[in-house]
Amino acid sequence: MKYIIITVLVILFGIFLYWAYLPDYKRNPKEFWRTIIGMPIGMLLGGIGFRDLNEKIRKWAVEEKEQRKAEK
C-alpha cells in the first residue's frame, strides 16, 4: 500500500512539473535545462544561507535571457 501511495505522488509531481515548466520549454528549449537545474538548487542554497552562491546560480540560469533583452 505504501508503494502505491508513493507511486501516485511521484506521478502527480511529474505531471505538475510538466504543466509548470511547459511554457518555459516552449519558449526556449535550450534554456529549459538551466531553469530546471538552477532554480531548485538556488532555492535550496538560499534557504540554508548561501545567498552569494544562490545569486551566482541565478545569474547562470538567466544569463542568456538578459543578454538577449539587452541586444533588442
C-alpha atoms as a PDB file:
ATOM      1  CA  MET A   1       0.000   0.000   0.000  1.00  0.00           C
ATOM      2  CA  LYS A   2       2.855   2.340   0.843  1.00  0.00           C
ATOM      3  CA  TYR A   3       4.408   1.852  -2.610  1.00  0.00           C
ATOM      4  CA  ILE A   4       1.144   2.675  -4.352  1.00  0.00           C
ATOM      5  CA  ILE A   5       0.873   5.983  -2.491  1.00  0.00           C
ATOM      6  CA  ILE A   6       4.485   6.874  -3.268  1.00  0.00           C
ATOM      7  CA  THR A   7       3.992   5.972  -6.928  1.00  0.00           C
ATOM      8  CA  VAL A   8       0.876   8.144  -7.173  1.00  0.00           C
ATOM      9  CA  LEU A   9       2.680  11.074  -5.527  1.00  0.00           C
ATOM     10  CA  VAL A  10       5.640  10.747  -7.908  1.00  0.00           C
ATOM     11  CA  ILE A  11       3.292  10.666 -10.909  1.00  0.00           C
ATOM     12  CA  LEU A  12       1.421  13.738  -9.642  1.00  0.00           C
ATOM     13  CA  PHE A  13       4.718  15.554  -9.077  1.00  0.00           C
ATOM     14  CA  GLY A  14       5.825  14.679 -12.626  1.00  0.00           C
ATOM     15  CA  ILE A  15       2.544  15.985 -14.050  1.00  0.00           C
ATOM     16  CA  PHE A  16       2.940  19.183 -12.034  1.00  0.00           C
ATOM     17  CA  LEU A  17       6.491  19.718 -13.339  1.00  0.00           C
ATOM     18  CA  TYR A  18       5.334  19.118 -16.912  1.00  0.00           C
ATOM     19  CA  TRP A  19       2.470  21.587 -16.537  1.00  0.00           C
ATOM     20  CA  ALA A  20       4.556  24.217 -14.719  1.00  0.00           C
ATOM     21  CA  TYR A  21       7.580  24.170 -16.999  1.00  0.00           C
ATOM     22  CA  LEU A  22       5.908  23.537 -20.376  1.00  0.00           C
ATOM     23  CA  PRO A  23       5.577  27.252 -21.300  1.00  0.00           C
ATOM     24  CA  ASP A  24       9.226  27.799 -20.383  1.00  0.00           C
ATOM     25  CA  TYR A  25      10.272  24.837 -22.520  1.00  0.00           C
ATOM     26  CA  LYS A  26       8.255  26.061 -25.498  1.00  0.00           C
ATOM     27  CA  ARG A  27       9.841  29.499 -25.247  1.00  0.00           C
ATOM     28  CA  ASN A  28      13.412  28.247 -25.387  1.00  0.00           C
ATOM     29  CA  PRO A  29      14.270  24.554 -25.023  1.00  0.00           C
ATOM     30  CA  LYS A  30      17.996  25.280 -24.665  1.00  0.00           C
ATOM     31  CA  GLU A  31      17.499  27.355 -21.520  1.00  0.00           C
ATOM     32  CA  PHE A  32      14.978  24.906 -20.111  1.00  0.00           C
ATOM     33  CA  TRP A  33      17.636  22.663 -18.550  1.00  0.00           C
ATOM     34  CA  ARG A  34      19.298  25.655 -16.892  1.00  0.00           C
ATOM     35  CA  THR A  35      15.959  26.559 -15.365  1.00  0.00           C
ATOM     36  CA  ILE A  36      15.243  23.008 -14.212  1.00  0.00           C
ATOM     37  CA  ILE A  37      18.678  22.663 -12.616  1.00  0.00           C
ATOM     38  CA  GLY A  38      19.263  26.211 -11.409  1.00  0.00           C
ATOM     39  CA  MET A  39      16.008  27.130  -9.721  1.00  0.00           C
ATOM     40  CA  PRO A  40      15.661  24.289  -7.188  1.00  0.00           C
ATOM     41  CA  ILE A  41      19.367  24.375  -6.310  1.00  0.00           C
ATOM     42  CA  GLY A  42      19.241  28.147  -5.912  1.00  0.00           C
ATOM     43  CA  MET A  43      16.190  27.960  -3.686  1.00  0.00           C
ATOM     44  CA  LEU A  44      17.830  25.304  -1.538  1.00  0.00           C
ATOM     45  CA  LEU A  45      21.078  27.240  -1.196  1.00  0.00           C
ATOM     46  CA  GLY A  46      19.227  30.475  -0.434  1.00  0.00           C
ATOM     47  CA  GLY A  47      17.171  28.702   2.204  1.00  0.00           C
ATOM     48  CA  ILE A  48      20.188  27.374   4.074  1.00  0.00           C
ATOM     49  CA  GLY A  49      22.083  30.667   3.989  1.00  0.00           C
ATOM     50  CA  PHE A  50      24.356  30.569   0.942  1.00  0.00           C
ATOM     51  CA  ARG A  51      22.996  33.745  -0.615  1.00  0.00           C
ATOM     52  CA  ASP A  52      26.110  34.546  -2.694  1.00  0.00           C
ATOM     53  CA  LEU A  53      26.178  31.099  -4.279  1.00  0.00           C
ATOM     54  CA  ASN A  54      22.437  31.327  -4.892  1.00  0.00           C
ATOM     55  CA  GLU A  55      22.995  34.633  -6.707  1.00  0.00           C
ATOM     56  CA  LYS A  56      25.721  33.121  -8.928  1.00  0.00           C
ATOM     57  CA  ILE A  57      23.467  30.203  -9.884  1.00  0.00           C
ATOM     58  CA  ARG A  58      20.588  32.565 -10.601  1.00  0.00           C
ATOM     59  CA  LYS A  59      22.788  34.643 -12.897  1.00  0.00           C
ATOM     60  CA  TRP A  60      23.953  31.472 -14.659  1.00  0.00           C
ATOM     61  CA  ALA A  61      20.362  30.315 -15.178  1.00  0.00           C
ATOM     62  CA  VAL A  62      19.115  33.603 -16.667  1.00  0.00           C
ATOM     63  CA  GLU A  63      22.325  34.765 -18.341  1.00  0.00           C
ATOM     64  CA  GLU A  64      21.270  34.376 -21.963  1.00  0.00           C
ATOM     65  CA  LYS A  65      17.818  35.858 -21.370  1.00  0.00           C
ATOM     66  CA  GLU A  66      19.326  39.072 -20.016  1.00  0.00           C
ATOM     67  CA  GLN A  67      21.832  39.306 -22.881  1.00  0.00           C
ATOM     68  CA  ARG A  68      19.065  38.851 -25.457  1.00  0.00           C
ATOM     69  CA  LYS A  69      16.952  41.571 -23.847  1.00  0.00           C
ATOM     70  CA  ALA A  70      19.921  43.959 -23.885  1.00  0.00           C
ATOM     71  CA  GLU A  71      20.503  43.317 -27.588  1.00  0.00           C
ATOM     72  CA  LYS A  72      16.918  44.185 -28.572  1.00  0.00           C
END
